[in-house]
Amino acid sequence: MKLNCQVTFPETFNFSEIKKDAFSADFTQNDCRYTLYAVVVHSGSAICGHYTAYVCHRVSKRWYYADDSHVSQSSWEEVQKTYGERSSATAYMLMYRRDRKEDGQQQDLSG
């Protein structure tokens, strides 16, 4: 059975603000800032379905929607429509990247 409950998720969050008691007093909060960079979406039922994805470009910060061989520009508002309950296309997997400590910017993971 596929769960169709609504689950909201942020584009960015600071884990140390969510779970303060899990860290020591001298812990730097920048160590726990994360930015969403991809959402895998499932459409259909548990028996039969289709997977697509929303991906945020690391440099331009623009969202794109990928469906098989087709990619189109999208928006954060479109990603939010995958929160569930109202749509058969629901977020299946969220991918966050930890921001760099120095300035809150995302790490360059290339090369």
PDB file of N, CA and C in Angstrom:
ATOM      1  N   MET A   1       0.829  -1.174   0.000  1.00  0.00           N
ATOM      2  CA  MET A   1       0.000   0.000   0.000  1.00  0.00           C
ATOM      3  C   MET A   1       0.877   1.243   0.000  1.00  0.00           C
ATOM      4  N   LYS A   2       0.606   2.169  -0.872  1.00  0.00           N
ATOM      5  CA  LYS A   2       1.345   3.429  -0.940  1.00  0.00           C
ATOM      6  C   LYS A   2       0.709   4.431   0.015  1.00  0.00           C
ATOM      7  N   LEU A   3       1.550   5.057   0.820  1.00  0.00           N
ATOM      8  CA  LEU A   3       1.058   6.076   1.737  1.00  0.00           C
ATOM      9  C   LEU A   3       0.870   7.384   0.978  1.00  0.00           C
ATOM     10  N   ASN A   4      -0.261   8.019   1.139  1.00  0.00           N
ATOM     11  CA  ASN A   4      -0.542   9.277   0.449  1.00  0.00           C
ATOM     12  C   ASN A   4      -0.767  10.415   1.442  1.00  0.00           C
ATOM     13  N   CYS A   5      -0.075  10.374   2.574  1.00  0.00           N
ATOM     14  CA  CYS A   5      -0.231  11.437   3.549  1.00  0.00           C
ATOM     15  C   CYS A   5       0.633  12.641   3.145  1.00  0.00           C
ATOM     16  N   GLN A   6       0.259  13.800   3.633  1.00  0.00           N
ATOM     17  CA  GLN A   6       0.995  15.014   3.294  1.00  0.00           C
ATOM     18  C   GLN A   6       2.193  15.166   4.217  1.00  0.00           C
ATOM     19  N   VAL A   7       3.361  15.334   3.635  1.00  0.00           N
ATOM     20  CA  VAL A   7       4.590  15.583   4.376  1.00  0.00           C
ATOM     21  C   VAL A   7       5.278  16.776   3.731  1.00  0.00           C
ATOM     22  N   THR A   8       5.410  17.853   4.495  1.00  0.00           N
ATOM     23  CA  THR A   8       6.090  19.035   3.969  1.00  0.00           C
ATOM     24  C   THR A   8       7.570  18.943   4.291  1.00  0.00           C
ATOM     25  N   PHE A   9       8.390  19.589   3.486  1.00  0.00           N
ATOM     26  CA  PHE A   9       9.829  19.589   3.716  1.00  0.00           C
ATOM     27  C   PHE A   9      10.391  20.943   3.300  1.00  0.00           C
ATOM     28  N   PRO A  10      11.400  21.424   4.016  1.00  0.00           N
ATOM     29  CA  PRO A  10      11.960  22.739   3.713  1.00  0.00           C
ATOM     30  C   PRO A  10      13.005  22.681   2.606  1.00  0.00           C
ATOM     31  N   GLU A  11      13.226  23.817   1.974  1.00  0.00           N
ATOM     32  CA  GLU A  11      14.289  23.914   0.970  1.00  0.00           C
ATOM     33  C   GLU A  11      15.654  23.989   1.665  1.00  0.00           C
ATOM     34  N   THR A  12      15.696  24.608   2.832  1.00  0.00           N
ATOM     35  CA  THR A  12      16.918  24.656   3.647  1.00  0.00           C
ATOM     36  C   THR A  12      16.530  24.465   5.104  1.00  0.00           C
ATOM     37  N   PHE A  13      17.459  23.958   5.898  1.00  0.00           N
ATOM     38  CA  PHE A  13      17.217  23.874   7.335  1.00  0.00           C
ATOM     39  C   PHE A  13      18.539  23.774   8.077  1.00  0.00           C
ATOM     40  N   ASN A  14      18.484  24.127   9.347  1.00  0.00           N
ATOM     41  CA  ASN A  14      19.638  24.042  10.235  1.00  0.00           C
ATOM     42  C   ASN A  14      19.304  22.987  11.286  1.00  0.00           C
ATOM     43  N   PHE A  15      19.944  21.842  11.175  1.00  0.00           N
ATOM     44  CA  PHE A  15      19.629  20.725  12.060  1.00  0.00           C
ATOM     45  C   PHE A  15      19.907  21.060  13.522  1.00  0.00           C
ATOM     46  N   SER A  16      20.915  21.892  13.782  1.00  0.00           N
ATOM     47  CA  SER A  16      21.239  22.220  15.172  1.00  0.00           C
ATOM     48  C   SER A  16      20.131  23.037  15.822  1.00  0.00           C
ATOM     49  N   GLU A  17      19.323  23.752  15.047  1.00  0.00           N
ATOM     50  CA  GLU A  17      18.193  24.486  15.603  1.00  0.00           C
ATOM     51  C   GLU A  17      17.015  23.561  15.873  1.00  0.00           C
ATOM     52  N   ILE A  18      16.937  22.476  15.143  1.00  0.00           N
ATOM     53  CA  ILE A  18      15.846  21.514  15.320  1.00  0.00           C
ATOM     54  C   ILE A  18      16.096  20.637  16.537  1.00  0.00           C
ATOM     55  N   LYS A  19      17.318  20.218  16.730  1.00  0.00           N
ATOM     56  CA  LYS A  19      17.659  19.262  17.788  1.00  0.00           C
ATOM     57  C   LYS A  19      18.804  19.809  18.635  1.00  0.00           C
ATOM     58  N   LYS A  20      18.603  20.941  19.303  1.00  0.00           N
ATOM     59  CA  LYS A  20      19.656  21.611  20.064  1.00  0.00           C
ATOM     60  C   LYS A  20      20.260  20.746  21.163  1.00  0.00           C
ATOM     61  N   ASP A  21      19.462  19.950  21.837  1.00  0.00           N
ATOM     62  CA  ASP A  21      19.972  19.159  22.954  1.00  0.00           C
ATOM     63  C   ASP A  21      20.893  18.017  22.521  1.00  0.00           C
ATOM     64  N   ALA A  22      21.001  17.759  21.224  1.00  0.00           N
ATOM     65  CA  ALA A  22      21.871  16.686  20.739  1.00  0.00           C
ATOM     66  C   ALA A  22      23.320  17.141  20.566  1.00  0.00           C
ATOM     67  N   PHE A  23      23.583  18.448  20.714  1.00  0.00           N
ATOM     68  CA  PHE A  23      24.917  18.988  20.462  1.00  0.00           C
ATOM     69  C   PHE A  23      25.495  19.623  21.722  1.00  0.00           C
ATOM     70  N   SER A  24      26.815  19.637  21.821  1.00  0.00           N
ATOM     71  CA  SER A  24      27.474  20.289  22.955  1.00  0.00           C
ATOM     72  C   SER A  24      27.343  21.800  22.814  1.00  0.00           C
ATOM     73  N   ALA A  25      27.544  22.518  23.903  1.00  0.00           N
ATOM     74  CA  ALA A  25      27.374  23.977  23.917  1.00  0.00           C
ATOM     75  C   ALA A  25      28.356  24.696  22.997  1.00  0.00           C
ATOM     76  N   ASP A  26      29.539  24.130  22.762  1.00  0.00           N
ATOM     77  CA  ASP A  26      30.542  24.787  21.926  1.00  0.00           C
ATOM     78  C   ASP A  26      30.457  24.381  20.448  1.00  0.00           C
ATOM     79  N   PHE A  27      29.421  23.662  20.086  1.00  0.00           N
ATOM     80  CA  PHE A  27      29.249  23.201  18.701  1.00  0.00           C
ATOM     81  C   PHE A  27      28.879  24.371  17.795  1.00  0.00           C
ATOM     82  N   THR A  28      29.557  24.515  16.648  1.00  0.00           N
ATOM     83  CA  THR A  28      29.266  25.577  15.699  1.00  0.00           C
ATOM     84  C   THR A  28      28.022  25.228  14.902  1.00  0.00           C
ATOM     85  N   GLN A  29      27.037  26.114  14.892  1.00  0.00           N
ATOM     86  CA  GLN A  29      25.771  25.839  14.215  1.00  0.00           C
ATOM     87  C   GLN A  29      25.921  25.679  12.707  1.00  0.00           C
ATOM     88  N   ASN A  30      26.911  26.328  12.102  1.00  0.00           N
ATOM     89  CA  ASN A  30      27.090  26.214  10.655  1.00  0.00           C
ATOM     90  C   ASN A  30      27.379  24.788  10.217  1.00  0.00           C
ATOM     91  N   ASP A  31      27.808  23.931  11.143  1.00  0.00           N
ATOM     92  CA  ASP A  31      28.106  22.547  10.808  1.00  0.00           C
ATOM     93  C   ASP A  31      26.868  21.771  10.387  1.00  0.00           C
ATOM     94  N   CYS A  32      25.685  22.295  10.652  1.00  0.00           N
ATOM     95  CA  CYS A  32      24.463  21.520  10.448  1.00  0.00           C
ATOM     96  C   CYS A  32      23.462  22.174   9.506  1.00  0.00           C
ATOM     97  N   ARG A  33      23.904  23.028   8.624  1.00  0.00           N
ATOM     98  CA  ARG A  33      22.996  23.654   7.661  1.00  0.00           C
ATOM     99  C   ARG A  33      22.984  22.825   6.377  1.00  0.00           C
ATOM    100  N   TYR A  34      21.764  22.550   5.923  1.00  0.00           N
ATOM    101  CA  TYR A  34      21.587  21.711   4.743  1.00  0.00           C
ATOM    102  C   TYR A  34      20.683  22.398   3.728  1.00  0.00           C
ATOM    103  N   THR A  35      20.929  22.115   2.444  1.00  0.00           N
ATOM    104  CA  THR A  35      20.127  22.654   1.356  1.00  0.00           C
ATOM    105  C   THR A  35      19.642  21.492   0.489  1.00  0.00           C
ATOM    106  N   LEU A  36      18.344  21.503   0.202  1.00  0.00           N
ATOM    107  CA  LEU A  36      17.751  20.477  -0.657  1.00  0.00           C
ATOM    108  C   LEU A  36      18.267  20.662  -2.080  1.00  0.00           C
ATOM    109  N   TYR A  37      18.737  19.581  -2.704  1.00  0.00           N
ATOM    110  CA  TYR A  37      19.203  19.694  -4.076  1.00  0.00           C
ATOM    111  C   TYR A  37      18.502  18.729  -5.025  1.00  0.00           C
ATOM    112  N   ALA A  38      17.735  17.777  -4.506  1.00  0.00           N
ATOM    113  CA  ALA A  38      17.001  16.875  -5.399  1.00  0.00           C
ATOM    114  C   ALA A  38      15.843  16.214  -4.659  1.00  0.00           C
ATOM    115  N   VAL A  39      14.776  15.964  -5.405  1.00  0.00           N
ATOM    116  CA  VAL A  39      13.611  15.255  -4.881  1.00  0.00           C
ATOM    117  C   VAL A  39      13.211  14.212  -5.908  1.00  0.00           C
ATOM    118  N   VAL A  40      13.263  12.944  -5.519  1.00  0.00           N
ATOM    119  CA  VAL A  40      12.778  11.873  -6.384  1.00  0.00           C
ATOM    120  C   VAL A  40      11.276  11.770  -6.129  1.00  0.00           C
ATOM    121  N   VAL A  41      10.496  11.718  -7.202  1.00  0.00           N
ATOM    122  CA  VAL A  41       9.040  11.726  -7.116  1.00  0.00           C
ATOM    123  C   VAL A  41       8.487  10.416  -7.670  1.00  0.00           C
ATOM    124  N   HIS A  42       7.492   9.857  -6.978  1.00  0.00           N
ATOM    125  CA  HIS A  42       6.825   8.645  -7.452  1.00  0.00           C
ATOM    126  C   HIS A  42       5.384   8.976  -7.823  1.00  0.00           C
ATOM    127  N   SER A  43       4.984   8.562  -9.003  1.00  0.00           N
ATOM    128  CA  SER A  43       3.597   8.710  -9.455  1.00  0.00           C
ATOM    129  C   SER A  43       3.013   7.324  -9.632  1.00  0.00           C
ATOM    130  N   GLY A  44       1.767   7.156  -9.230  1.00  0.00           N
ATOM    131  CA  GLY A  44       1.105   5.869  -9.399  1.00  0.00           C
ATOM    132  C   GLY A  44       0.885   5.175  -8.081  1.00  0.00           C
ATOM    133  N   SER A  45       0.770   3.855  -8.153  1.00  0.00           N
ATOM    134  CA  SER A  45       0.497   3.054  -6.958  1.00  0.00           C
ATOM    135  C   SER A  45       1.743   2.270  -6.565  1.00  0.00           C
ATOM    136  N   ALA A  46       1.628   1.502  -5.495  1.00  0.00           N
ATOM    137  CA  ALA A  46       2.745   0.668  -5.059  1.00  0.00           C
ATOM    138  C   ALA A  46       3.024  -0.456  -6.050  1.00  0.00           C
ATOM    139  N   ILE A  47       2.017  -0.867  -6.793  1.00  0.00           N
ATOM    140  CA  ILE A  47       2.158  -1.963  -7.752  1.00  0.00           C
ATOM    141  C   ILE A  47       2.690  -1.469  -9.090  1.00  0.00           C
ATOM    142  N   CYS A  48       2.242  -0.312  -9.507  1.00  0.00           N
ATOM    143  CA  CYS A  48       2.630   0.218 -10.814  1.00  0.00           C
ATOM    144  C   CYS A  48       2.858   1.721 -10.683  1.00  0.00           C
ATOM    145  N   GLY A  49       4.000   2.190 -11.131  1.00  0.00           N
ATOM    146  CA  GLY A  49       4.272   3.610 -11.003  1.00  0.00           C
ATOM    147  C   GLY A  49       5.418   4.070 -11.884  1.00  0.00           C
ATOM    148  N   HIS A  50       5.764   5.329 -11.711  1.00  0.00           N
ATOM    149  CA  HIS A  50       6.790   5.968 -12.521  1.00  0.00           C
ATOM    150  C   HIS A  50       7.571   6.926 -11.631  1.00  0.00           C
ATOM    151  N   TYR A  51       8.891   6.986 -11.824  1.00  0.00           N
ATOM    152  CA  TYR A  51       9.741   7.880 -11.045  1.00  0.00           C
ATOM    153  C   TYR A  51      10.240   9.028 -11.909  1.00  0.00           C
ATOM    154  N   THR A  52      10.213  10.215 -11.348  1.00  0.00           N
ATOM    155  CA  THR A  52      10.773  11.417 -11.973  1.00  0.00           C
ATOM    156  C   THR A  52      11.586  12.127 -10.894  1.00  0.00           C
ATOM    157  N   ALA A  53      12.174  13.266 -11.239  1.00  0.00           N
ATOM    158  CA  ALA A  53      12.962  13.982 -10.232  1.00  0.00           C
ATOM    159  C   ALA A  53      12.973  15.477 -10.485  1.00  0.00           C
ATOM    160  N   TYR A  54      13.068  16.214  -9.396  1.00  0.00           N
ATOM    161  CA  TYR A  54      13.355  17.648  -9.429  1.00  0.00           C
ATOM    162  C   TYR A  54      14.783  17.802  -8.930  1.00  0.00           C
ATOM    163  N   VAL A  55      15.579  18.596  -9.635  1.00  0.00           N
ATOM    164  CA  VAL A  55      16.976  18.791  -9.269  1.00  0.00           C
ATOM    165  C   VAL A  55      17.291  20.279  -9.324  1.00  0.00           C
ATOM    166  N   CYS A  56      17.979  20.757  -8.297  1.00  0.00           N
ATOM    167  CA  CYS A  56      18.364  22.169  -8.246  1.00  0.00           C
ATOM    168  C   CYS A  56      19.802  22.313  -8.742  1.00  0.00           C
ATOM    169  N   HIS A  57      20.011  23.189  -9.720  1.00  0.00           N
ATOM    170  CA  HIS A  57      21.342  23.433 -10.263  1.00  0.00           C
ATOM    171  C   HIS A  57      22.204  24.103  -9.199  1.00  0.00           C
ATOM    172  N   ARG A  58      23.379  23.578  -8.984  1.00  0.00           N
ATOM    173  CA  ARG A  58      24.251  24.032  -7.902  1.00  0.00           C
ATOM    174  C   ARG A  58      24.659  25.497  -8.029  1.00  0.00           C
ATOM    175  N   VAL A  59      24.875  25.974  -9.239  1.00  0.00           N
ATOM    176  CA  VAL A  59      25.350  27.345  -9.439  1.00  0.00           C
ATOM    177  C   VAL A  59      24.193  28.330  -9.610  1.00  0.00           C
ATOM    178  N   SER A  60      23.282  28.047 -10.519  1.00  0.00           N
ATOM    179  CA  SER A  60      22.194  28.989 -10.815  1.00  0.00           C
ATOM    180  C   SER A  60      21.076  28.961  -9.777  1.00  0.00           C
ATOM    181  N   LYS A  61      21.006  27.895  -8.971  1.00  0.00           N
ATOM    182  CA  LYS A  61      19.948  27.700  -7.970  1.00  0.00           C
ATOM    183  C   LYS A  61      18.562  27.542  -8.591  1.00  0.00           C
ATOM    184  N   ARG A  62      18.488  27.256  -9.883  1.00  0.00           N
ATOM    185  CA  ARG A  62      17.206  27.013 -10.566  1.00  0.00           C
ATOM    186  C   ARG A  62      16.845  25.543 -10.446  1.00  0.00           C
ATOM    187  N   TRP A  63      15.537  25.299 -10.306  1.00  0.00           N
ATOM    188  CA  TRP A  63      15.030  23.938 -10.243  1.00  0.00           C
ATOM    189  C   TRP A  63      14.708  23.432 -11.640  1.00  0.00           C
ATOM    190  N   TYR A  64      14.963  22.125 -11.870  1.00  0.00           N
ATOM    191  CA  TYR A  64      14.650  21.468 -13.135  1.00  0.00           C
ATOM    192  C   TYR A  64      13.868  20.193 -12.839  1.00  0.00           C
ATOM    193  N   TYR A  65      12.988  19.836 -13.773  1.00  0.00           N
ATOM    194  CA  TYR A  65      12.192  18.625 -13.663  1.00  0.00           C
ATOM    195  C   TYR A  65      12.674  17.646 -14.720  1.00  0.00           C
ATOM    196  N   ALA A  66      13.030  16.431 -14.309  1.00  0.00           N
ATOM    197  CA  ALA A  66      13.530  15.406 -15.225  1.00  0.00           C
ATOM    198  C   ALA A  66      12.550  14.235 -15.268  1.00  0.00           C
ATOM    199  N   ASP A  67      12.101  13.897 -16.489  1.00  0.00           N
ATOM    200  CA  ASP A  67      11.177  12.790 -16.706  1.00  0.00           C
ATOM    201  C   ASP A  67      11.694  11.999 -17.896  1.00  0.00           C
ATOM    202  N   ASP A  68      12.317  10.868 -17.619  1.00  0.00           N
ATOM    203  CA  ASP A  68      12.970  10.045 -18.645  1.00  0.00           C
ATOM    204  C   ASP A  68      13.974  10.891 -19.421  1.00  0.00           C
ATOM    205  N   SER A  69      13.776  11.091 -20.707  1.00  0.00           N
ATOM    206  CA  SER A  69      14.754  11.845 -21.499  1.00  0.00           C
ATOM    207  C   SER A  69      14.392  13.323 -21.638  1.00  0.00           C
ATOM    208  N   HIS A  70      13.370  13.781 -20.941  1.00  0.00           N
ATOM    209  CA  HIS A  70      12.928  15.173 -21.040  1.00  0.00           C
ATOM    210  C   HIS A  70      13.281  15.937 -19.762  1.00  0.00           C
ATOM    211  N   VAL A  71      13.939  17.101 -19.900  1.00  0.00           N
ATOM    212  CA  VAL A  71      14.264  17.966 -18.766  1.00  0.00           C
ATOM    213  C   VAL A  71      13.735  19.355 -19.069  1.00  0.00           C
ATOM    214  N   SER A  72      13.031  19.953 -18.087  1.00  0.00           N
ATOM    215  CA  SER A  72      12.511  21.307 -18.271  1.00  0.00           C
ATOM    216  C   SER A  72      12.729  22.117 -17.007  1.00  0.00           C
ATOM    217  N   GLN A  73      12.817  23.430 -17.170  1.00  0.00           N
ATOM    218  CA  GLN A  73      12.991  24.290 -16.016  1.00  0.00           C
ATOM    219  C   GLN A  73      11.716  24.273 -15.188  1.00  0.00           C
ATOM    220  N   SER A  74      11.867  24.323 -13.879  1.00  0.00           N
ATOM    221  CA  SER A  74      10.740  24.270 -12.972  1.00  0.00           C
ATOM    222  C   SER A  74      10.906  25.339 -11.900  1.00  0.00           C
ATOM    223  N   SER A  75      10.284  25.148 -10.739  1.00  0.00           N
ATOM    224  CA  SER A  75      10.372  26.126  -9.660  1.00  0.00           C
ATOM    225  C   SER A  75      10.202  25.424  -8.319  1.00  0.00           C
ATOM    226  N   TRP A  76      10.567  26.121  -7.247  1.00  0.00           N
ATOM    227  CA  TRP A  76      10.371  25.580  -5.909  1.00  0.00           C
ATOM    228  C   TRP A  76       8.886  25.348  -5.660  1.00  0.00           C
ATOM    229  N   GLU A  77       8.036  26.189  -6.195  1.00  0.00           N
ATOM    230  CA  GLU A  77       6.586  26.021  -6.033  1.00  0.00           C
ATOM    231  C   GLU A  77       6.113  24.702  -6.636  1.00  0.00           C
ATOM    232  N   GLU A  78       6.681  24.306  -7.766  1.00  0.00           N
ATOM    233  CA  GLU A  78       6.335  23.019  -8.377  1.00  0.00           C
ATOM    234  C   GLU A  78       6.821  21.858  -7.514  1.00  0.00           C
ATOM    235  N   VAL A  79       8.006  21.985  -6.954  1.00  0.00           N
ATOM    236  CA  VAL A  79       8.531  20.942  -6.066  1.00  0.00           C
ATOM    237  C   VAL A  79       7.599  20.765  -4.872  1.00  0.00           C
ATOM    238  N   GLN A  80       7.100  21.850  -4.333  1.00  0.00           N
ATOM    239  CA  GLN A  80       6.213  21.797  -3.171  1.00  0.00           C
ATOM    240  C   GLN A  80       4.905  21.063  -3.469  1.00  0.00           C
ATOM    241  N   LYS A  81       4.517  20.959  -4.703  1.00  0.00           N
ATOM    242  CA  LYS A  81       3.300  20.226  -5.052  1.00  0.00           C
ATOM    243  C   LYS A  81       3.451  18.726  -4.820  1.00  0.00           C
ATOM    244  N   THR A  82       4.673  18.262  -4.565  1.00  0.00           N
ATOM    245  CA  THR A  82       4.905  16.838  -4.301  1.00  0.00           C
ATOM    246  C   THR A  82       4.781  16.517  -2.819  1.00  0.00           C
ATOM    247  N   TYR A  83       4.297  17.454  -2.014  1.00  0.00           N
ATOM    248  CA  TYR A  83       4.112  17.216  -0.581  1.00  0.00           C
ATOM    249  C   TYR A  83       3.155  16.059  -0.318  1.00  0.00           C
ATOM    250  N   GLY A  84       2.304  15.742  -1.277  1.00  0.00           N
ATOM    251  CA  GLY A  84       1.408  14.600  -1.130  1.00  0.00           C
ATOM    252  C   GLY A  84      -0.022  14.984  -0.844  1.00  0.00           C
ATOM    253  N   GLU A  85      -0.835  13.982  -0.641  1.00  0.00           N
ATOM    254  CA  GLU A  85      -2.250  14.055  -0.301  1.00  0.00           C
ATOM    255  C   GLU A  85      -3.115  14.540  -1.456  1.00  0.00           C
ATOM    256  N   ARG A  86      -2.800  15.633  -2.117  1.00  0.00           N
ATOM    257  CA  ARG A  86      -3.634  16.169  -3.191  1.00  0.00           C
ATOM    258  C   ARG A  86      -3.232  15.655  -4.575  1.00  0.00           C
ATOM    259  N   SER A  87      -2.095  15.020  -4.665  1.00  0.00           N
ATOM    260  CA  SER A  87      -1.579  14.627  -5.971  1.00  0.00           C
ATOM    261  C   SER A  87      -1.125  13.173  -5.942  1.00  0.00           C
ATOM    262  N   SER A  88      -1.194  12.513  -7.089  1.00  0.00           N
ATOM    263  CA  SER A  88      -0.690  11.140  -7.156  1.00  0.00           C
ATOM    264  C   SER A  88       0.834  11.131  -7.264  1.00  0.00           C
ATOM    265  N   ALA A  89       1.448  12.278  -7.617  1.00  0.00           N
ATOM    266  CA  ALA A  89       2.903  12.388  -7.687  1.00  0.00           C
ATOM    267  C   ALA A  89       3.404  12.913  -6.347  1.00  0.00           C
ATOM    268  N   THR A  90       4.038  12.041  -5.570  1.00  0.00           N
ATOM    269  CA  THR A  90       4.483  12.434  -4.240  1.00  0.00           C
ATOM    270  C   THR A  90       5.985  12.227  -4.074  1.00  0.00           C
ATOM    271  N   ALA A  91       6.581  13.074  -3.232  1.00  0.00           N
ATOM    272  CA  ALA A  91       8.010  12.964  -2.955  1.00  0.00           C
ATOM    273  C   ALA A  91       8.304  11.583  -2.383  1.00  0.00           C
ATOM    274  N   TYR A  92       9.321  10.945  -2.915  1.00  0.00           N
ATOM    275  CA  TYR A  92       9.700   9.597  -2.502  1.00  0.00           C
ATOM    276  C   TYR A  92      11.020   9.621  -1.731  1.00  0.00           C
ATOM    277  N   MET A  93      11.944  10.470  -2.194  1.00  0.00           N
ATOM    278  CA  MET A  93      13.239  10.572  -1.541  1.00  0.00           C
ATOM    279  C   MET A  93      13.732  12.014  -1.642  1.00  0.00           C
ATOM    280  N   LEU A  94      14.203  12.555  -0.518  1.00  0.00           N
ATOM    281  CA  LEU A  94      14.740  13.912  -0.468  1.00  0.00           C
ATOM    282  C   LEU A  94      16.247  13.825  -0.344  1.00  0.00           C
ATOM    283  N   MET A  95      16.963  14.661  -1.103  1.00  0.00           N
ATOM    284  CA  MET A  95      18.420  14.677  -1.032  1.00  0.00           C
ATOM    285  C   MET A  95      18.880  16.063  -0.637  1.00  0.00           C
ATOM    286  N   TYR A  96      19.547  16.128   0.515  1.00  0.00           N
ATOM    287  CA  TYR A  96      20.076  17.380   1.039  1.00  0.00           C
ATOM    288  C   TYR A  96      21.595  17.333   1.009  1.00  0.00           C
ATOM    289  N   ARG A  97      22.210  18.484   0.833  1.00  0.00           N
ATOM    290  CA  ARG A  97      23.668  18.607   0.848  1.00  0.00           C
ATOM    291  C   ARG A  97      24.040  19.535   1.999  1.00  0.00           C
ATOM    292  N   ARG A  98      25.039  19.120   2.794  1.00  0.00           N
ATOM    293  CA  ARG A  98      25.488  19.965   3.900  1.00  0.00           C
ATOM    294  C   ARG A  98      26.225  21.176   3.350  1.00  0.00           C
ATOM    295  N   ASP A  99      25.882  22.357   3.858  1.00  0.00           N
ATOM    296  CA  ASP A  99      26.542  23.594   3.443  1.00  0.00           C
ATOM    297  C   ASP A  99      27.938  23.665   4.050  1.00  0.00           C
ATOM    298  N   ARG A 100      28.792  24.442   3.402  1.00  0.00           N
ATOM    299  CA  ARG A 100      30.145  24.639   3.925  1.00  0.00           C
ATOM    300  C   ARG A 100      30.088  25.423   5.221  1.00  0.00           C
ATOM    301  N   LYS A 101      31.039  25.167   6.099  1.00  0.00           N
ATOM    302  CA  LYS A 101      31.099  25.832   7.400  1.00  0.00           C
ATOM    303  C   LYS A 101      31.392  27.324   7.273  1.00  0.00           C
ATOM    304  N   GLU A 102      32.265  27.709   6.364  1.00  0.00           N
ATOM    305  CA  GLU A 102      32.770  29.071   6.304  1.00  0.00           C
ATOM    306  C   GLU A 102      31.680  30.112   6.050  1.00  0.00           C
ATOM    307  N   ASP A 103      30.836  29.860   5.051  1.00  0.00           N
ATOM    308  CA  ASP A 103      29.902  30.917   4.664  1.00  0.00           C
ATOM    309  C   ASP A 103      28.499  30.422   4.375  1.00  0.00           C
ATOM    310  N   GLY A 104      28.190  29.180   4.693  1.00  0.00           N
ATOM    311  CA  GLY A 104      26.862  28.667   4.459  1.00  0.00           C
ATOM    312  C   GLY A 104      26.603  28.281   3.024  1.00  0.00           C
ATOM    313  N   GLN A 105      27.618  28.388   2.149  1.00  0.00           N
ATOM    314  CA  GLN A 105      27.450  28.016   0.748  1.00  0.00           C
ATOM    315  C   GLN A 105      27.681  26.517   0.604  1.00  0.00           C
ATOM    316  N   GLN A 106      27.140  25.961  -0.457  1.00  0.00           N
ATOM    317  CA  GLN A 106      27.281  24.530  -0.687  1.00  0.00           C
ATOM    318  C   GLN A 106      28.693  24.180  -1.104  1.00  0.00           C
ATOM    319  N   GLN A 107      29.120  22.984  -0.722  1.00  0.00           N
ATOM    320  CA  GLN A 107      30.429  22.494  -1.090  1.00  0.00           C
ATOM    321  C   GLN A 107      30.528  22.251  -2.582  1.00  0.00           C
ATOM    322  N   ASP A 108      31.724  22.447  -3.122  1.00  0.00           N
ATOM    323  CA  ASP A 108      31.973  22.088  -4.504  1.00  0.00           C
ATOM    324  C   ASP A 108      32.453  20.645  -4.503  1.00  0.00           C
ATOM    325  N   LEU A 109      31.592  19.736  -4.924  1.00  0.00           N
ATOM    326  CA  LEU A 109      31.905  18.318  -4.894  1.00  0.00           C
ATOM    327  C   LEU A 109      32.449  17.797  -6.219  1.00  0.00           C
ATOM    328  N   SER A 110      32.698  18.704  -7.167  1.00  0.00           N
ATOM    329  CA  SER A 110      33.186  18.274  -8.473  1.00  0.00           C
ATOM    330  C   SER A 110      34.682  18.036  -8.428  1.00  0.00           C
ATOM    331  N   GLY A 111      35.153  17.152  -9.342  1.00  0.00           N
ATOM    332  CA  GLY A 111      36.534  16.878  -9.617  1.00  0.00           C
ATOM    333  C   GLY A 111      37.368  16.702  -8.449  1.00  0.00           C
TER     334      GLY A 111
END
